[in-house]
Amino acid sequence: MTNSKEALSVLHEQVVNMLIDGNPDGGSVRCALMEDWIISHNGIFISINGPADDPTPPRYPPWLTFTHSPEEHSFTIIAELEPHLYDF
């Protein structure tokens, strides 16, 4: 990606237009910006899963659920889909 605006545009197109609007009942895609992340939704929740070796949890807002599995070296972020879909 050449800049952050282009990156956000690609991510918006992929997640909102292709994944959510194109599959309202659920689906998943490999993230265009971070190819080892999988973005999924089931019509109610959206989740991001990927590898994570650092056991230190990041700061995150109260409307996100963050889990880290040291055994599987992975993380999951989950948020309710509707309240945040069209915030921006």
C-alpha atoms as a PDB file:
ATOM      1  CA  MET A   1       0.000   0.000   0.000  1.00  0.00           C
ATOM      2  CA  THR A   2       1.266   3.455  -0.788  1.00  0.00           C
ATOM      3  CA  ASN A   3      -0.494   5.332   2.006  1.00  0.00           C
ATOM      4  CA  SER A   4      -2.888   4.925   4.903  1.00  0.00           C
ATOM      5  CA  LYS A   5      -5.874   6.372   3.004  1.00  0.00           C
ATOM      6  CA  GLU A   6      -5.453   3.788   0.253  1.00  0.00           C
ATOM      7  CA  ALA A   7      -5.029   1.020   2.838  1.00  0.00           C
ATOM      8  CA  LEU A   8      -8.225   2.009   4.656  1.00  0.00           C
ATOM      9  CA  SER A   9     -10.075   2.171   1.347  1.00  0.00           C
ATOM     10  CA  VAL A  10      -8.950  -1.364   0.463  1.00  0.00           C
ATOM     11  CA  LEU A  11      -9.919  -2.647   3.909  1.00  0.00           C
ATOM     12  CA  HIS A  12     -13.335  -0.938   3.753  1.00  0.00           C
ATOM     13  CA  GLU A  13     -14.019  -2.400   0.307  1.00  0.00           C
ATOM     14  CA  GLN A  14     -12.992  -5.863   1.446  1.00  0.00           C
ATOM     15  CA  VAL A  15     -14.781  -5.957   4.805  1.00  0.00           C
ATOM     16  CA  VAL A  16     -17.895  -3.821   4.357  1.00  0.00           C
ATOM     17  CA  ASN A  17     -18.679  -4.222   0.667  1.00  0.00           C
ATOM     18  CA  MET A  18     -17.401  -7.735  -0.107  1.00  0.00           C
ATOM     19  CA  LEU A  19     -17.649  -9.589   3.206  1.00  0.00           C
ATOM     20  CA  ILE A  20     -20.623  -8.044   5.016  1.00  0.00           C
ATOM     21  CA  ASP A  21     -22.825  -6.583   2.267  1.00  0.00           C
ATOM     22  CA  GLY A  22     -21.998  -9.428  -0.115  1.00  0.00           C
ATOM     23  CA  ASN A  23     -22.609 -12.153   2.505  1.00  0.00           C
ATOM     24  CA  PRO A  24     -25.172 -10.831   5.021  1.00  0.00           C
ATOM     25  CA  ASP A  25     -25.543 -14.204   6.768  1.00  0.00           C
ATOM     26  CA  GLY A  26     -21.831 -14.774   7.295  1.00  0.00           C
ATOM     27  CA  GLY A  27     -18.524 -15.466   5.661  1.00  0.00           C
ATOM     28  CA  SER A  28     -14.798 -14.952   5.954  1.00  0.00           C
ATOM     29  CA  VAL A  29     -11.920 -13.443   3.980  1.00  0.00           C
ATOM     30  CA  ARG A  30      -8.169 -13.284   4.297  1.00  0.00           C
ATOM     31  CA  CYS A  31      -7.241  -9.699   5.194  1.00  0.00           C
ATOM     32  CA  ALA A  32      -5.701  -7.844   2.241  1.00  0.00           C
ATOM     33  CA  LEU A  33      -3.445  -5.792   4.530  1.00  0.00           C
ATOM     34  CA  MET A  34      -2.312  -8.573   6.884  1.00  0.00           C
ATOM     35  CA  GLU A  35      -2.463 -11.798   4.891  1.00  0.00           C
ATOM     36  CA  ASP A  36      -2.166 -14.084   7.911  1.00  0.00           C
ATOM     37  CA  TRP A  37      -5.310 -12.571   9.487  1.00  0.00           C
ATOM     38  CA  ILE A  38      -8.775 -13.965   8.781  1.00  0.00           C
ATOM     39  CA  ILE A  39     -11.778 -11.629   9.086  1.00  0.00           C
ATOM     40  CA  SER A  40     -15.123 -13.379   9.632  1.00  0.00           C
ATOM     41  CA  HIS A  41     -18.693 -12.576  10.534  1.00  0.00           C
ATOM     42  CA  ASN A  42     -21.842 -14.533  11.299  1.00  0.00           C
ATOM     43  CA  GLY A  43     -24.362 -11.732  10.803  1.00  0.00           C
ATOM     44  CA  ILE A  44     -24.161 -10.740  14.478  1.00  0.00           C
ATOM     45  CA  PHE A  45     -20.452 -10.572  15.345  1.00  0.00           C
ATOM     46  CA  ILE A  46     -17.329  -9.767  13.355  1.00  0.00           C
ATOM     47  CA  SER A  47     -14.017 -11.351  14.328  1.00  0.00           C
ATOM     48  CA  ILE A  48     -10.372 -11.088  13.383  1.00  0.00           C
ATOM     49  CA  ASN A  49      -8.056 -14.045  13.986  1.00  0.00           C
ATOM     50  CA  GLY A  50      -4.339 -14.252  13.442  1.00  0.00           C
ATOM     51  CA  PRO A  51      -0.961 -15.246  14.819  1.00  0.00           C
ATOM     52  CA  ALA A  52       0.388 -13.607  17.973  1.00  0.00           C
ATOM     53  CA  ASP A  53       3.569 -14.427  19.853  1.00  0.00           C
ATOM     54  CA  ASP A  54       3.580 -11.480  22.263  1.00  0.00           C
ATOM     55  CA  PRO A  55       1.591 -12.471  25.384  1.00  0.00           C
ATOM     56  CA  THR A  56       1.113  -8.829  26.423  1.00  0.00           C
ATOM     57  CA  PRO A  57      -2.498  -7.846  25.691  1.00  0.00           C
ATOM     58  CA  PRO A  58      -2.934  -4.596  23.761  1.00  0.00           C
ATOM     59  CA  ARG A  59      -5.136  -1.758  24.928  1.00  0.00           C
ATOM     60  CA  TYR A  60      -8.604  -2.075  23.461  1.00  0.00           C
ATOM     61  CA  PRO A  61     -12.002  -0.390  23.885  1.00  0.00           C
ATOM     62  CA  PRO A  62     -14.684  -1.972  26.098  1.00  0.00           C
ATOM     63  CA  TRP A  63     -16.862  -2.914  23.118  1.00  0.00           C
ATOM     64  CA  LEU A  64     -14.186  -5.329  21.824  1.00  0.00           C
ATOM     65  CA  THR A  65     -13.419  -8.763  23.193  1.00  0.00           C
ATOM     66  CA  PHE A  66      -9.752  -9.714  22.897  1.00  0.00           C
ATOM     67  CA  THR A  67      -8.388 -13.182  23.603  1.00  0.00           C
ATOM     68  CA  HIS A  68      -4.882 -14.536  23.252  1.00  0.00           C
ATOM     69  CA  SER A  69      -3.965 -18.213  23.134  1.00  0.00           C
ATOM     70  CA  PRO A  70      -0.296 -18.684  24.085  1.00  0.00           C
ATOM     71  CA  GLU A  71      -0.548 -22.396  23.289  1.00  0.00           C
ATOM     72  CA  GLU A  72      -1.708 -21.741  19.728  1.00  0.00           C
ATOM     73  CA  HIS A  73       0.247 -18.460  19.342  1.00  0.00           C
ATOM     74  CA  SER A  74      -2.919 -16.741  18.120  1.00  0.00           C
ATOM     75  CA  PHE A  75      -5.325 -13.935  18.955  1.00  0.00           C
ATOM     76  CA  THR A  76      -9.000 -13.260  18.369  1.00  0.00           C
ATOM     77  CA  ILE A  77     -10.801  -9.925  18.387  1.00  0.00           C
ATOM     78  CA  ILE A  78     -14.607  -9.960  18.437  1.00  0.00           C
ATOM     79  CA  ALA A  79     -17.085  -7.072  18.174  1.00  0.00           C
ATOM     80  CA  GLU A  80     -20.806  -6.820  17.676  1.00  0.00           C
ATOM     81  CA  LEU A  81     -21.388  -6.057  14.001  1.00  0.00           C
ATOM     82  CA  GLU A  82     -24.289  -3.612  13.798  1.00  0.00           C
ATOM     83  CA  PRO A  83     -23.452  -0.936  16.402  1.00  0.00           C
ATOM     84  CA  HIS A  84     -20.118  -0.119  14.763  1.00  0.00           C
ATOM     85  CA  LEU A  85     -20.602  -0.962  11.094  1.00  0.00           C
ATOM     86  CA  TYR A  86     -21.410   2.508   9.804  1.00  0.00           C
ATOM     87  CA  ASP A  87     -19.771   4.684  12.500  1.00  0.00           C
ATOM     88  CA  PHE A  88     -17.343   6.307  10.050  1.00  0.00           C
END
